[in-house]
Protein backbone atom coordinates (compact mmCIF):
# COMPACT_ATOMS: atom_id res chain seq x y z
CA MET A 1 -8.62 -4.33 -19.86
CA ARG A 2 -5.11 -5.40 -20.89
CA ILE A 3 -2.93 -5.86 -17.81
CA ALA A 4 0.60 -7.16 -17.28
CA VAL A 5 1.58 -8.36 -13.80
CA MET A 6 5.30 -7.92 -13.22
CA GLY A 7 6.08 -10.31 -10.36
CA ALA A 8 3.44 -13.00 -9.91
CA GLY A 9 3.96 -13.58 -6.17
CA GLY A 10 1.42 -13.12 -3.41
CA VAL A 11 0.25 -9.65 -4.42
CA GLY A 12 0.55 -9.98 -8.19
CA GLY A 13 -0.71 -13.55 -8.27
CA TYR A 14 -3.78 -12.86 -6.16
CA PHE A 15 -4.95 -9.60 -7.74
CA GLY A 16 -3.87 -10.58 -11.25
CA GLY A 17 -5.88 -13.75 -10.78
CA GLN A 18 -8.97 -11.75 -9.85
CA PHE A 19 -8.68 -9.59 -12.97
CA ALA A 20 -8.13 -12.68 -15.14
CA ARG A 21 -11.07 -14.51 -13.55
CA ALA A 22 -13.28 -11.55 -14.52
CA GLY A 23 -12.28 -11.89 -18.15
CA HIS A 24 -9.56 -9.26 -18.49
CA GLU A 25 -6.48 -9.97 -20.61
CA VAL A 26 -3.79 -10.57 -17.99
CA ALA A 27 -0.21 -11.60 -18.67
CA PHE A 28 1.89 -12.80 -15.73
CA ILE A 29 5.63 -12.08 -15.81
CA ALA A 30 7.44 -14.63 -13.67
CA ARG A 31 10.52 -16.83 -13.66
CA GLY A 32 11.91 -20.18 -12.63
CA ARG A 33 9.73 -22.95 -11.26
CA HIS A 34 6.82 -20.57 -10.67
CA LEU A 35 6.79 -19.61 -14.35
CA ALA A 36 7.01 -23.24 -15.43
CA ALA A 37 4.08 -24.18 -13.17
CA LEU A 38 1.94 -21.29 -14.42
CA ARG A 39 2.53 -22.40 -17.99
CA GLU A 40 1.92 -26.09 -17.33
CA ASN A 41 -0.79 -26.12 -14.68
CA GLY A 42 -2.24 -22.62 -14.71
CA LEU A 43 -2.80 -20.34 -11.69
CA THR A 44 -4.42 -21.49 -8.46
CA VAL A 45 -5.36 -19.04 -5.70
CA GLU A 46 -6.38 -20.51 -2.35
CA SER A 47 -8.57 -17.85 -0.75
CA ALA A 48 -11.74 -17.44 1.28
CA VAL A 49 -12.51 -14.36 -0.80
CA GLY A 50 -11.49 -15.01 -4.39
CA PRO A 51 -10.48 -18.62 -5.06
CA VAL A 52 -9.09 -19.50 -8.48
CA ARG A 53 -8.78 -23.11 -9.61
CA ALA A 54 -6.00 -24.02 -12.05
CA MET A 55 -6.98 -21.24 -14.46
CA ARG A 56 -5.06 -21.17 -17.71
CA VAL A 57 -3.06 -17.95 -17.95
CA VAL A 58 -0.53 -16.22 -20.17
CA ALA A 59 2.86 -16.40 -18.45
CA THR A 60 6.25 -15.22 -19.69
CA ASP A 61 9.69 -14.10 -18.58
CA ARG A 62 10.01 -11.68 -21.51
CA PRO A 63 7.88 -8.55 -20.97
CA ALA A 64 9.21 -6.98 -24.17
CA GLY A 65 7.57 -9.78 -26.15
CA LEU A 66 4.07 -8.98 -24.89
CA ALA A 67 1.49 -7.08 -26.92
CA PRO A 68 0.83 -3.52 -25.66
CA VAL A 69 -1.01 -3.33 -22.35
CA GLU A 70 -2.79 -0.50 -20.56
CA VAL A 71 -1.56 -1.16 -17.01
CA VAL A 72 1.48 -2.86 -15.54
CA MET A 73 0.94 -4.02 -11.97
CA PHE A 74 4.52 -3.83 -10.71
CA CYS A 75 4.86 -6.32 -7.84
CA VAL A 76 8.50 -7.41 -7.71
CA LYS A 77 10.51 -7.51 -4.50
CA LEU A 78 12.22 -4.24 -3.61
CA TRP A 79 15.71 -5.42 -4.53
CA ASP A 80 14.45 -6.08 -8.08
CA VAL A 81 12.94 -2.65 -8.73
CA GLU A 82 15.71 -1.33 -10.98
CA ALA A 83 15.96 -4.52 -13.04
CA GLY A 84 12.17 -4.75 -13.21
CA ALA A 85 11.91 -1.15 -14.36
CA THR A 86 14.24 -1.89 -17.25
CA ALA A 87 12.23 -4.99 -18.14
CA VAL A 88 8.88 -3.16 -18.34
CA ALA A 89 10.27 -0.06 -20.05
CA PRO A 90 9.09 -1.29 -23.50
CA LEU A 91 5.54 -1.67 -22.16
CA ALA A 92 5.65 1.85 -20.71
CA ALA A 93 7.04 3.22 -23.96
CA ALA A 94 4.07 1.65 -25.76
CA GLY A 95 1.64 3.56 -23.52
CA ALA A 96 1.18 1.55 -20.34
CA VAL A 97 0.99 3.15 -16.92
CA VAL A 98 3.11 1.31 -14.35
CA ILE A 99 1.68 1.03 -10.83
CA PRO A 100 4.07 -0.27 -8.15
CA PHE A 101 2.20 -2.29 -5.52
CA GLN A 102 5.16 -2.84 -3.24
CA ASN A 103 6.36 -2.27 0.26
CA GLY A 104 8.35 0.87 0.93
CA VAL A 105 7.88 4.45 -0.25
CA GLU A 106 10.64 4.80 -2.85
CA SER A 107 9.79 2.46 -5.74
CA HIS A 108 7.89 5.06 -7.75
CA GLN A 109 10.94 7.34 -7.67
CA ILE A 110 13.18 4.61 -9.10
CA LEU A 111 10.60 3.78 -11.76
CA ALA A 112 10.20 7.44 -12.69
CA ARG A 113 13.93 7.77 -13.32
CA ALA A 114 13.87 4.68 -15.53
CA ILE A 115 10.70 5.13 -17.58
CA GLY A 116 9.57 8.71 -16.98
CA ALA A 117 7.38 10.15 -14.21
CA GLU A 118 4.45 10.54 -16.60
CA ARG A 119 4.17 6.74 -16.94
CA VAL A 120 4.24 5.99 -13.18
CA ALA A 121 1.34 6.06 -10.73
CA GLY A 122 1.14 5.15 -7.05
CA GLY A 123 -0.31 1.98 -5.60
CA VAL A 124 -0.90 0.43 -2.18
CA ALA A 125 -1.72 -3.24 -1.66
CA GLN A 126 -2.94 -4.64 1.64
CA ILE A 127 -3.06 -8.42 1.70
CA GLY A 128 -1.49 -11.44 3.35
CA ALA A 129 -0.58 -13.75 0.49
CA VAL A 130 2.39 -15.88 -0.50
CA ILE A 131 3.49 -18.37 -3.12
CA LYS A 132 2.55 -21.60 -1.36
CA SER A 133 4.13 -23.70 -4.10
CA PRO A 134 4.95 -23.04 -7.77
CA GLY A 135 1.77 -21.86 -9.45
CA VAL A 136 -0.21 -21.72 -6.18
CA ILE A 137 -0.96 -18.52 -4.21
CA ALA A 138 -2.24 -18.81 -0.63
CA HIS A 139 -4.26 -15.88 0.78
CA THR A 140 -4.61 -15.57 4.57
CA GLY A 141 -7.73 -13.95 6.03
CA THR A 142 -10.08 -11.72 4.06
CA LEU A 143 -8.11 -8.48 3.75
CA ALA A 144 -7.34 -7.87 0.06
CA LYS A 145 -7.40 -4.17 -0.78
CA LEU A 146 -5.85 -1.96 -3.45
CA ARG A 147 -5.56 1.82 -3.56
CA VAL A 148 -4.24 3.75 -6.53
CA GLY A 149 -3.66 7.39 -7.33
CA ALA A 150 -1.86 9.71 -9.68
CA LEU A 151 1.57 11.08 -8.89
CA VAL A 152 2.98 14.11 -10.69
CA GLY A 153 2.41 13.54 -14.39
CA GLY A 154 0.24 10.48 -13.85
CA PRO A 155 -2.75 9.69 -16.12
CA PRO A 156 -5.91 9.80 -13.94
CA PRO A 157 -8.41 8.66 -16.67
CA LEU A 158 -6.56 5.37 -17.19
CA LEU A 159 -6.25 4.86 -13.44
CA ARG A 160 -9.97 5.39 -12.98
CA ASP A 161 -10.63 2.84 -15.72
CA PHE A 162 -8.39 0.41 -13.83
CA VAL A 163 -10.30 1.04 -10.60
CA ALA A 164 -13.64 0.55 -12.37
CA ALA A 165 -12.39 -2.71 -13.89
CA GLY A 166 -11.22 -3.87 -10.47
CA LYS A 167 -14.52 -3.08 -8.80
CA ALA A 168 -16.37 -4.95 -11.55
CA ALA A 169 -14.05 -7.90 -10.85
CA GLY A 170 -15.06 -7.89 -7.20
CA ILE A 171 -11.79 -6.38 -5.95
CA ASP A 172 -11.78 -3.98 -3.00
CA ILE A 173 -10.09 -1.11 -4.84
CA ASP A 174 -10.30 2.68 -4.58
CA TYR A 175 -8.88 5.72 -6.29
CA VAL A 176 -7.39 8.13 -3.75
CA ASP A 177 -6.42 11.73 -4.36
CA ASP A 178 -3.38 11.70 -2.05
CA ILE A 179 -1.66 8.42 -2.87
CA ARG A 180 1.61 9.58 -1.33
CA ARG A 181 -0.06 9.85 2.06
CA ALA A 182 -1.59 6.40 1.57
CA LEU A 183 1.88 5.00 0.84
CA TRP A 184 3.24 6.44 4.06
CA GLU A 185 0.25 5.15 6.04
CA LYS A 186 1.08 1.62 4.97
CA PHE A 187 4.79 2.23 5.43
CA VAL A 188 4.38 3.25 9.08
CA PHE A 189 2.45 0.05 9.76
CA LEU A 190 4.56 -2.33 7.71
CA VAL A 191 7.97 -1.16 8.88
CA ALA A 192 7.00 -1.91 12.46
CA MET A 193 5.09 -5.11 11.90
CA SER A 194 7.54 -6.66 9.44
CA GLY A 195 10.52 -5.82 11.63
CA VAL A 196 9.08 -7.11 14.90
CA THR A 197 7.52 -10.27 13.46
CA ALA A 198 10.81 -11.07 11.71
CA LEU A 199 12.90 -10.53 14.84
CA ALA A 200 10.50 -12.56 16.98
CA ARG A 201 9.92 -15.10 14.18
CA GLN A 202 6.26 -15.11 15.14
CA PRO A 203 2.99 -14.17 13.39
CA ILE A 204 1.08 -10.98 14.07
CA GLY A 205 -1.12 -12.49 16.78
CA VAL A 206 1.86 -13.38 18.97
CA VAL A 207 3.67 -10.05 18.73
CA ARG A 208 0.60 -7.88 19.28
CA ALA A 209 -0.38 -9.90 22.38
CA ASP A 210 3.00 -9.59 24.11
CA ALA A 211 3.28 -6.32 26.03
CA ASP A 212 7.00 -5.85 25.37
CA LEU A 213 6.79 -6.64 21.66
CA ARG A 214 3.69 -4.48 21.33
CA ALA A 215 5.60 -1.56 22.85
CA VAL A 216 8.35 -2.01 20.25
CA ILE A 217 5.75 -1.97 17.46
CA VAL A 218 4.28 1.28 18.78
CA ALA A 219 7.71 2.88 19.19
CA SER A 220 8.69 1.89 15.66
CA MET A 221 5.47 3.37 14.26
CA ARG A 222 6.00 6.65 16.10
CA GLU A 223 9.54 6.93 14.74
CA THR A 224 8.41 6.29 11.18
CA ALA A 225 5.54 8.76 11.53
CA ALA A 226 8.07 11.35 12.68
CA VAL A 227 10.19 10.64 9.61
CA ALA A 228 7.06 11.01 7.45
CA ALA A 229 6.68 14.53 8.84
CA THR A 230 10.17 15.41 7.60
CA GLN A 231 8.96 14.32 4.13
CA GLY A 232 5.87 16.54 4.28
CA VAL A 233 3.37 13.87 5.38
CA VAL A 234 1.97 14.75 8.81
CA PHE A 235 -0.23 12.37 10.82
CA ASP A 236 -2.43 13.33 13.77
CA GLU A 237 -1.65 12.22 17.31
CA LYS A 238 -4.17 9.37 17.19
CA PHE A 239 -2.80 7.85 13.98
CA VAL A 240 -0.64 5.21 15.64
CA ASP A 241 -3.51 4.22 17.95
CA ARG A 242 -5.69 3.63 14.88
CA GLN A 243 -2.93 1.54 13.28
CA MET A 244 -2.77 -0.65 16.37
CA THR A 245 -6.56 -1.05 16.33
CA PHE A 246 -6.23 -2.19 12.72
CA ALA A 247 -3.49 -4.63 13.72
CA ASP A 248 -5.68 -6.05 16.47
CA GLY A 249 -8.33 -6.90 13.88
CA LEU A 250 -6.06 -8.94 11.61
CA PRO A 251 -6.04 -12.75 11.69
CA ALA A 252 -3.70 -13.92 14.45
CA GLN A 253 -1.95 -16.33 12.08
CA MET A 254 -1.10 -13.65 9.50
CA ARG A 255 2.61 -13.43 8.74
CA THR A 256 4.40 -10.52 7.11
CA SER A 257 6.21 -11.14 3.85
CA MET A 258 9.54 -10.41 5.53
CA LEU A 259 8.90 -13.05 8.18
CA ASN A 260 8.08 -15.53 5.43
CA ASP A 261 11.26 -14.60 3.56
CA LEU A 262 13.40 -14.89 6.70
CA VAL A 263 12.07 -18.34 7.58
CA ALA A 264 12.47 -19.50 3.98
CA GLY A 265 16.06 -18.27 3.84
CA ASN A 266 15.28 -15.70 1.15
CA ARG A 267 16.60 -12.17 0.78
CA LEU A 268 15.01 -9.53 3.01
CA GLU A 269 13.47 -6.16 2.15
CA ALA A 270 14.73 -4.64 5.44
CA PRO A 271 17.05 -2.09 3.72
CA TRP A 272 13.95 -0.47 2.20
CA LEU A 273 11.84 -0.75 5.37
CA ALA A 274 13.44 -0.28 8.81
CA GLY A 275 16.70 0.49 7.05
CA ALA A 276 15.04 3.21 5.00
CA VAL A 277 13.60 4.79 8.14
CA ALA A 278 17.05 4.81 9.73
CA ARG A 279 18.55 6.29 6.55
CA MET A 280 15.91 9.01 6.12
CA ALA A 281 15.98 9.87 9.83
CA ALA A 282 19.75 10.31 9.73
CA ALA A 283 19.47 12.55 6.67
CA ALA A 284 16.89 14.70 8.48
CA GLY A 285 18.87 14.79 11.71
CA ALA A 286 16.10 12.93 13.55
CA PRO A 287 16.52 10.02 16.00
CA ALA A 288 15.35 6.53 15.05
CA PRO A 289 16.93 4.18 17.60
CA VAL A 290 14.20 1.51 17.42
CA ASN A 291 14.19 1.10 13.65
CA SER A 292 17.97 1.41 13.51
CA THR A 293 18.22 -1.44 15.99
CA ILE A 294 15.68 -3.57 14.11
CA TYR A 295 17.63 -3.07 10.90
CA ALA A 296 20.97 -3.81 12.55
CA ALA A 297 19.62 -7.05 14.03
CA LEU A 298 18.34 -8.18 10.62
CA LYS A 299 21.47 -7.28 8.65
CA PRO A 300 23.09 -10.72 8.97
CA TYR A 301 20.10 -12.20 7.13
CA LEU A 302 19.70 -9.63 4.35
CA GLY A 303 21.18 -11.87 1.68
CA GLY A 304 19.18 -14.93 2.66
CA ALA A 305 20.51 -18.34 3.62
CA HIS A 306 24.30 -18.67 3.55
């Protein structure tokens, strides 16, 4: 299968590496020192599940110069969605389906406005992975799962081919009929966990073990689940309990991407996470004091190091 990975960070680097290792034609779209390292030294993925050792890859910063591809794995940070959508528009125009594997629940809407809803599908990635150094992706734990599904106007046959290719490559990947619900399931979890780990500047094991921080996580999840209901996605009363059980099973050292960005002095995705919950709650006339407070406390760091 011909795949372009827009944003070769933790998510794109890991999963793109698995497709490439299985023999698929994968082109990585990156920039700066990471791009230079991919070109010079290849891609390395440090992982207990799918290690990759200095594999030679196609890497570019010019998506329009690539040959036509079937799938674009869209993995840029949330503040780059609009610019990234413009960059991959030529690939979509040539027939590719674009699957955003990002945090948040709004990327597919931005992409649809830029390249047409019929070229956009939905994707959910669950993994703890970061760029350890230029050209090197570090994967924490064993969780590395993808879920994809068609949105309105999406092309299910091509998505099912992508899933089949992923399974053959050893990737934990599934096609789901209700991808919008899957997006909100992740969103409920990630908004809480990213916000609390960033505020505490501690990995998941620390925040889930502290009674006070754990209570904040639960309260954040309940607020976001209530906002989901205003958007037509309704969870049962045990949903948050199941999310906490899932959290308890993650490696204690796992760090959210927002915690990593905060510590590194990078920009934060908070406006599209806790900030988005606060924004959507206000629009629906619903209370969201916990997520509003998390967002307010992170606002001084949104732009990264000063």
